[in-house]
Amino acid sequence: MSRHEGVSCDSCMKANFRGKRYKCLICYDYDLCGTCYEAGATNTRHTPDHAMQCILTRSDFVVWCMLQETHFKDLRVDFERQ
């Protein structure tokens, strides 16, 4: 699993973290690691009603795409059998 290089979580301050990254679509330059996002981290400028975008590293995205391709291929085979 690769890291989000050059990014720090604005809640726990962990830099270059692994896993999911969440970016606020309202606040300027507000990012959370997956752990802090799941814990519902907020501060005076970032509130729970702000929309967040999940950002995957390139390698995590490639793995996700491969899993989706396998999943949909299995669905297609099941559909063709019916």
C-alpha atoms as a PDB file:
ATOM      1  CA  MET A   1       0.000   0.000   0.000  1.00  0.00           C
ATOM      2  CA  SER A   2       1.496   3.344  -0.974  1.00  0.00           C
ATOM      3  CA  ARG A   3       1.364   6.634   0.892  1.00  0.00           C
ATOM      4  CA  HIS A   4      -0.220  10.033   0.312  1.00  0.00           C
ATOM      5  CA  GLU A   5       3.122  11.817  -0.096  1.00  0.00           C
ATOM      6  CA  GLY A   6       3.185  15.471   0.920  1.00  0.00           C
ATOM      7  CA  VAL A   7      -0.176  15.289   2.720  1.00  0.00           C
ATOM      8  CA  SER A   8      -0.791  15.567   6.466  1.00  0.00           C
ATOM      9  CA  CYS A   9      -3.972  14.728   8.340  1.00  0.00           C
ATOM     10  CA  ASP A  10      -5.352  17.967   9.791  1.00  0.00           C
ATOM     11  CA  SER A  11      -6.669  16.131  12.854  1.00  0.00           C
ATOM     12  CA  CYS A  12      -3.911  13.744  14.058  1.00  0.00           C
ATOM     13  CA  MET A  13      -1.152  15.520  12.073  1.00  0.00           C
ATOM     14  CA  LYS A  14       0.179  12.235  10.648  1.00  0.00           C
ATOM     15  CA  ALA A  15       2.191  12.976   7.495  1.00  0.00           C
ATOM     16  CA  ASN A  16       2.520  10.827   4.362  1.00  0.00           C
ATOM     17  CA  PHE A  17      -0.084   8.406   5.700  1.00  0.00           C
ATOM     18  CA  ARG A  18      -1.284   5.161   4.144  1.00  0.00           C
ATOM     19  CA  GLY A  19      -4.844   4.166   3.321  1.00  0.00           C
ATOM     20  CA  LYS A  20      -7.743   6.385   2.392  1.00  0.00           C
ATOM     21  CA  ARG A  21      -7.452  10.164   2.329  1.00  0.00           C
ATOM     22  CA  TYR A  22     -10.493  12.391   2.687  1.00  0.00           C
ATOM     23  CA  LYS A  23     -10.445  15.954   1.351  1.00  0.00           C
ATOM     24  CA  CYS A  24     -13.036  18.520   2.387  1.00  0.00           C
ATOM     25  CA  LEU A  25     -14.853  20.043  -0.582  1.00  0.00           C
ATOM     26  CA  ILE A  26     -15.696  23.183   1.422  1.00  0.00           C
ATOM     27  CA  CYS A  27     -12.617  24.009   3.525  1.00  0.00           C
ATOM     28  CA  TYR A  28      -9.405  25.153   1.896  1.00  0.00           C
ATOM     29  CA  ASP A  29      -6.652  22.538   2.288  1.00  0.00           C
ATOM     30  CA  TYR A  30      -8.346  20.274   4.858  1.00  0.00           C
ATOM     31  CA  ASP A  31      -7.456  16.577   4.694  1.00  0.00           C
ATOM     32  CA  LEU A  32      -8.163  13.657   7.017  1.00  0.00           C
ATOM     33  CA  CYS A  33      -6.678  10.180   7.192  1.00  0.00           C
ATOM     34  CA  GLY A  34      -9.152   7.301   7.115  1.00  0.00           C
ATOM     35  CA  THR A  35      -8.980   6.771  10.889  1.00  0.00           C
ATOM     36  CA  CYS A  36      -9.810  10.400  11.724  1.00  0.00           C
ATOM     37  CA  TYR A  37     -12.539  10.556   9.069  1.00  0.00           C
ATOM     38  CA  GLU A  38     -14.222   7.452  10.483  1.00  0.00           C
ATOM     39  CA  ALA A  39     -13.972   8.961  13.988  1.00  0.00           C
ATOM     40  CA  GLY A  40     -15.819  12.074  12.733  1.00  0.00           C
ATOM     41  CA  ALA A  41     -12.975  14.537  13.341  1.00  0.00           C
ATOM     42  CA  THR A  42     -13.969  18.213  13.174  1.00  0.00           C
ATOM     43  CA  ASN A  43     -12.570  21.585  14.212  1.00  0.00           C
ATOM     44  CA  THR A  44     -13.801  25.181  14.339  1.00  0.00           C
ATOM     45  CA  ARG A  45     -13.772  25.605  10.555  1.00  0.00           C
ATOM     46  CA  HIS A  46     -14.567  22.043   9.432  1.00  0.00           C
ATOM     47  CA  THR A  47     -17.986  20.788  10.499  1.00  0.00           C
ATOM     48  CA  PRO A  48     -19.700  17.395  10.013  1.00  0.00           C
ATOM     49  CA  ASP A  49     -22.038  18.774   7.322  1.00  0.00           C
ATOM     50  CA  HIS A  50     -19.143  19.466   4.910  1.00  0.00           C
ATOM     51  CA  ALA A  51     -18.910  17.118   1.921  1.00  0.00           C
ATOM     52  CA  MET A  52     -15.728  15.030   1.792  1.00  0.00           C
ATOM     53  CA  GLN A  53     -14.086  13.339  -1.204  1.00  0.00           C
ATOM     54  CA  CYS A  54     -12.275  10.026  -0.727  1.00  0.00           C
ATOM     55  CA  ILE A  55      -8.931   9.970  -2.526  1.00  0.00           C
ATOM     56  CA  LEU A  56      -7.029   6.738  -3.142  1.00  0.00           C
ATOM     57  CA  THR A  57      -3.340   6.460  -3.930  1.00  0.00           C
ATOM     58  CA  ARG A  58      -2.601   5.397  -7.498  1.00  0.00           C
ATOM     59  CA  SER A  59      -1.655   1.852  -6.463  1.00  0.00           C
ATOM     60  CA  ASP A  60      -4.776   1.469  -4.295  1.00  0.00           C
ATOM     61  CA  PHE A  61      -6.892   2.689  -7.218  1.00  0.00           C
ATOM     62  CA  VAL A  62      -5.332   0.098  -9.541  1.00  0.00           C
ATOM     63  CA  VAL A  63      -6.095  -2.673  -7.034  1.00  0.00           C
ATOM     64  CA  TRP A  64      -9.680  -1.396  -6.669  1.00  0.00           C
ATOM     65  CA  CYS A  65     -10.135  -1.399 -10.467  1.00  0.00           C
ATOM     66  CA  MET A  66      -8.825  -4.946 -10.730  1.00  0.00           C
ATOM     67  CA  LEU A  67     -11.254  -6.096  -8.029  1.00  0.00           C
ATOM     68  CA  GLN A  68     -14.148  -4.352  -9.776  1.00  0.00           C
ATOM     69  CA  GLU A  69     -13.237  -5.934 -13.109  1.00  0.00           C
ATOM     70  CA  THR A  70     -13.213  -9.384 -11.498  1.00  0.00           C
ATOM     71  CA  HIS A  71     -16.509  -8.701  -9.729  1.00  0.00           C
ATOM     72  CA  PHE A  72     -18.271  -7.514 -12.888  1.00  0.00           C
ATOM     73  CA  LYS A  73     -16.821 -10.379 -14.950  1.00  0.00           C
ATOM     74  CA  ASP A  74     -18.329 -12.813 -12.410  1.00  0.00           C
ATOM     75  CA  LEU A  75     -21.681 -11.032 -12.656  1.00  0.00           C
ATOM     76  CA  ARG A  76     -21.604 -11.219 -16.462  1.00  0.00           C
ATOM     77  CA  VAL A  77     -20.908 -14.960 -16.384  1.00  0.00           C
ATOM     78  CA  ASP A  78     -23.789 -15.494 -13.941  1.00  0.00           C
ATOM     79  CA  PHE A  79     -26.100 -13.412 -16.124  1.00  0.00           C
ATOM     80  CA  GLU A  80     -25.165 -15.357 -19.274  1.00  0.00           C
ATOM     81  CA  ARG A  81     -25.979 -18.651 -17.547  1.00  0.00           C
ATOM     82  CA  GLN A  82     -29.562 -17.607 -16.841  1.00  0.00           C
END
